[in-house]
């Protein structure tokens, strides 16, 4: 009797991501003779107002930075390994039910993701405009830090709050679409949209999305 030493444990999502990664890693060498590499750097930044909450302005700021390296083993098919770091900062206020205390809070959510994706394009290598879709799996770490100040509304005295920090980790499945527009043979601008699904809020599925733009270089 032959016993396979490889035992895949975890939830259904975890097993799916592991099998996908192993499958791509096993099949890739078969195509790895005549291809080319690309490196990418991308990011996004936005800030918007959420209106007046508890008498104070509420605001959200988001900053995302990322990069990756891909190998095109067919004319319109590539495997890409990438990393992204997203920081969302929410500033808002809350008032106690009896209106004797007020809190001005700042919540920073940091999401780090390492992923491997299969990228399928819809145009040839000689085309300047190259739309694509992508899908794969990875690993995500989310860290939420909440701090701020408490105000006694009777005498306006203020007290700094101790920071509350929570961290969660999960494998991730993701899918997205985008396009590259080549300004020259080896340099392109890129825009992409990606949806991530993870078990950071298990048993519920946590969904988040990313819109980014950047540069891509062929070498």
Protein backbone atom coordinates (compact mmCIF):
# COMPACT_ATOMS: atom_id res chain seq x y z
CA UNK A 1 0.00 0.00 0.00
CA UNK A 2 1.39 3.41 -1.02
CA UNK A 3 0.67 6.36 1.27
CA UNK A 4 0.93 9.85 -0.19
CA UNK A 5 2.93 12.07 2.22
CA UNK A 6 1.09 15.23 1.07
CA UNK A 7 -1.99 15.95 3.16
CA UNK A 8 -3.85 19.18 2.46
CA UNK A 9 -5.67 20.46 5.53
CA UNK A 10 -7.81 23.52 6.21
CA UNK A 11 -11.09 24.97 5.00
CA UNK A 12 -12.45 24.57 1.48
CA UNK A 13 -11.09 27.99 0.45
CA UNK A 14 -7.65 27.19 1.85
CA UNK A 15 -7.53 23.84 0.03
CA UNK A 16 -8.64 25.46 -3.23
CA UNK A 17 -5.88 28.10 -3.09
CA UNK A 18 -3.22 25.49 -2.19
CA UNK A 19 -4.24 23.13 -5.02
CA UNK A 20 -4.30 26.02 -7.53
CA UNK A 21 -0.82 27.17 -6.51
CA UNK A 22 0.63 23.64 -6.63
CA UNK A 23 -0.96 22.96 -10.01
CA UNK A 24 0.44 26.10 -11.61
CA UNK A 25 3.88 25.41 -10.12
CA UNK A 26 3.91 21.89 -11.56
CA UNK A 27 2.70 22.84 -15.05
CA UNK A 28 4.73 26.04 -15.53
CA UNK A 29 8.12 24.40 -16.32
CA UNK A 30 6.56 22.75 -19.36
CA UNK A 31 6.11 26.20 -20.95
CA UNK A 32 9.20 27.92 -19.57
CA UNK A 33 11.48 27.79 -22.61
CA UNK A 34 10.55 30.86 -24.66
CA UNK A 35 8.92 33.67 -22.72
CA UNK A 36 9.59 37.10 -21.27
CA UNK A 37 9.37 38.84 -17.89
CA UNK A 38 7.60 42.00 -16.78
CA UNK A 39 7.93 43.99 -13.57
CA UNK A 40 5.22 46.32 -12.36
CA UNK A 41 4.69 49.07 -9.80
CA UNK A 42 1.26 50.48 -9.03
CA UNK A 43 -0.77 52.36 -6.47
CA UNK A 44 -3.76 54.50 -5.71
CA UNK A 45 -4.78 57.30 -3.37
CA UNK A 46 -8.13 58.84 -2.57
CA UNK A 47 -9.82 60.82 0.19
CA UNK A 48 -13.50 61.49 0.66
CA UNK A 49 -15.81 63.08 3.22
CA UNK A 50 -18.46 61.03 4.99
CA UNK A 51 -20.42 64.06 6.20
CA UNK A 52 -20.97 65.33 9.74
CA UNK A 53 -21.14 62.63 12.43
CA UNK A 54 -21.70 63.57 16.09
CA UNK A 55 -21.05 67.21 15.23
CA UNK A 56 -17.66 66.62 13.60
CA UNK A 57 -16.50 66.07 10.03
CA UNK A 58 -15.87 62.41 9.17
CA UNK A 59 -13.24 61.52 6.58
CA UNK A 60 -11.73 58.41 4.96
CA UNK A 61 -8.28 58.29 3.36
CA UNK A 62 -7.01 55.29 1.41
CA UNK A 63 -3.49 54.63 0.09
CA UNK A 64 -2.38 51.52 -1.77
CA UNK A 65 1.10 50.56 -3.04
CA UNK A 66 2.02 47.40 -4.86
CA UNK A 67 4.29 45.66 -7.30
CA UNK A 68 4.98 42.35 -8.95
CA UNK A 69 6.88 40.27 -11.44
CA UNK A 70 5.29 38.15 -14.17
CA UNK A 71 6.47 35.57 -16.65
CA UNK A 72 4.64 35.21 -19.98
CA UNK A 73 5.00 31.57 -21.00
CA UNK A 74 2.52 31.95 -23.89
CA UNK A 75 1.88 35.00 -26.07
CA UNK A 76 -1.19 36.09 -24.08
CA UNK A 77 -0.85 34.06 -20.87
CA UNK A 78 1.33 34.85 -17.86
CA UNK A 79 1.92 33.87 -14.27
CA UNK A 80 2.40 36.80 -11.87
CA UNK A 81 3.57 37.04 -8.27
CA UNK A 82 2.63 40.31 -6.58
CA UNK A 83 2.55 42.16 -3.26
CA UNK A 84 0.31 45.02 -2.12
CA UNK A 85 0.02 47.14 1.01
CA UNK A 86 -3.23 49.07 1.59
CA UNK A 87 -3.85 51.52 4.45
CA UNK A 88 -7.33 52.92 5.07
CA UNK A 89 -7.66 55.67 7.69
CA UNK A 90 -11.11 56.59 9.07
CA UNK A 91 -11.58 59.65 11.29
CA UNK A 92 -14.96 59.94 12.98
CA UNK A 93 -16.73 60.86 16.25
CA UNK A 94 -19.18 59.10 18.56
CA UNK A 95 -21.34 60.38 21.43
CA UNK A 96 -22.53 58.31 24.40
CA UNK A 97 -26.26 57.58 24.72
CA UNK A 98 -26.58 60.00 27.67
CA UNK A 99 -24.57 62.65 25.76
CA UNK A 100 -22.05 63.11 28.57
CA UNK A 101 -19.01 61.77 26.69
CA UNK A 102 -17.68 62.14 23.18
CA UNK A 103 -14.99 60.16 21.38
CA UNK A 104 -12.92 61.38 18.45
CA UNK A 105 -11.54 58.18 16.88
CA UNK A 106 -8.96 57.31 14.24
CA UNK A 107 -9.11 53.77 12.87
CA UNK A 108 -6.28 52.59 10.57
CA UNK A 109 -6.78 49.35 8.66
CA UNK A 110 -3.67 47.89 7.02
CA UNK A 111 -4.11 45.03 4.53
CA UNK A 112 -1.04 43.24 3.16
CA UNK A 113 -1.45 40.66 0.42
CA UNK A 114 0.95 38.30 -1.36
CA UNK A 115 -0.58 36.51 -4.32
CA UNK A 116 0.03 34.39 -7.40
CA UNK A 117 -2.25 34.89 -10.41
CA UNK A 118 -2.84 33.45 -13.84
CA UNK A 119 -3.23 36.37 -16.29
CA UNK A 120 -4.99 35.84 -19.63
CA UNK A 121 -4.79 38.57 -22.26
CA UNK A 122 -7.08 39.29 -25.21
CA UNK A 123 -4.59 40.69 -27.70
CA UNK A 124 -1.21 39.81 -29.17
CA UNK A 125 2.17 40.96 -27.96
CA UNK A 126 2.48 43.46 -30.83
CA UNK A 127 -0.69 45.34 -29.86
CA UNK A 128 -0.36 48.52 -27.82
CA UNK A 129 -3.69 48.11 -26.03
CA UNK A 130 -3.83 44.79 -24.15
CA UNK A 131 -6.87 44.05 -21.94
CA UNK A 132 -6.72 41.06 -19.61
CA UNK A 133 -8.44 39.12 -16.86
CA UNK A 134 -6.72 37.53 -13.89
CA UNK A 135 -7.44 35.10 -11.09
CA UNK A 136 -5.57 33.23 -8.39
CA UNK A 137 -4.89 32.96 -4.69
CA UNK A 138 -2.68 34.30 -1.97
CA UNK A 139 -2.30 35.19 1.69
CA UNK A 140 -3.60 38.29 3.47
CA UNK A 141 -2.77 39.92 6.81
CA UNK A 142 -5.15 42.57 8.17
CA UNK A 143 -4.18 44.79 11.11
CA UNK A 144 -6.68 47.26 12.59
CA UNK A 145 -5.46 49.96 15.00
CA UNK A 146 -8.01 52.21 16.71
CA UNK A 147 -7.04 55.16 18.89
CA UNK A 148 -8.27 58.62 19.69
CA UNK A 149 -9.45 60.95 22.44
CA UNK A 150 -12.34 60.97 24.90
CA UNK A 151 -13.96 64.26 25.91
CA UNK A 152 -16.06 64.84 29.04
CA UNK A 153 -18.76 67.12 27.67
CA UNK A 154 -19.51 68.60 31.11
CA UNK A 155 -16.12 70.28 31.53
CA UNK A 156 -14.47 69.67 28.11
CA UNK A 157 -11.64 67.71 29.73
CA UNK A 158 -9.86 65.33 27.32
CA UNK A 159 -8.22 61.94 27.83
CA UNK A 160 -6.11 60.02 25.32
CA UNK A 161 -7.36 56.52 24.62
CA UNK A 162 -5.10 53.49 24.58
CA UNK A 163 -4.72 52.08 21.09
CA UNK A 164 -6.68 48.91 20.41
CA UNK A 165 -4.95 46.57 17.92
CA UNK A 166 -6.41 43.46 16.29
CA UNK A 167 -4.79 41.25 13.65
CA UNK A 168 -6.19 38.48 11.46
CA UNK A 169 -4.76 36.29 8.70
CA UNK A 170 -6.28 34.24 5.91
CA UNK A 171 -5.66 32.67 2.53
CA UNK A 172 -7.29 34.69 -0.23
CA UNK A 173 -8.97 34.05 -3.56
CA UNK A 174 -9.01 36.93 -6.02
CA UNK A 175 -10.15 37.85 -9.52
CA UNK A 176 -9.93 40.99 -11.57
CA UNK A 177 -9.52 42.71 -14.90
CA UNK A 178 -7.44 45.50 -16.36
CA UNK A 179 -5.54 46.74 -19.36
CA UNK A 180 -2.02 47.71 -20.36
CA UNK A 181 -1.24 50.40 -22.92
CA UNK A 182 2.28 50.29 -24.28
CA UNK A 183 3.89 53.69 -24.76
CA UNK A 184 6.95 51.93 -26.22
CA UNK A 185 7.98 48.34 -26.90
CA UNK A 186 8.99 47.74 -23.29
CA UNK A 187 7.10 50.35 -21.25
CA UNK A 188 3.37 50.44 -20.53
CA UNK A 189 0.88 52.20 -18.29
CA UNK A 190 -1.58 49.90 -16.53
CA UNK A 191 -4.94 50.15 -14.77
CA UNK A 192 -6.57 47.31 -12.89
CA UNK A 193 -9.54 46.35 -10.72
CA UNK A 194 -9.35 43.38 -8.31
CA UNK A 195 -11.80 41.77 -5.88
CA UNK A 196 -10.42 39.77 -2.92
CA UNK A 197 -12.34 37.17 -0.90
CA UNK A 198 -10.94 35.83 2.38
CA UNK A 199 -11.90 34.40 5.77
CA UNK A 200 -10.63 37.38 7.78
CA UNK A 201 -14.13 37.70 9.26
CA UNK A 202 -14.77 33.93 9.55
CA UNK A 203 -17.27 32.36 9.40
CA UNK A 204 -18.33 35.19 7.08
CA UNK A 205 -16.45 35.83 3.83
CA UNK A 206 -14.65 39.19 3.90
CA UNK A 207 -14.66 41.00 0.55
CA UNK A 208 -12.55 43.99 -0.41
CA UNK A 209 -11.59 45.58 -3.69
CA UNK A 210 -8.70 47.55 -5.14
CA UNK A 211 -8.38 49.97 -8.05
CA UNK A 212 -4.83 50.83 -9.05
CA UNK A 213 -2.76 52.40 -11.80
CA UNK A 214 0.93 52.19 -12.52
CA UNK A 215 3.77 51.27 -14.86
CA UNK A 216 4.92 47.96 -16.34
CA UNK A 217 8.34 47.24 -17.88
CA UNK A 218 9.31 44.28 -20.10
CA UNK A 219 12.77 42.73 -19.83
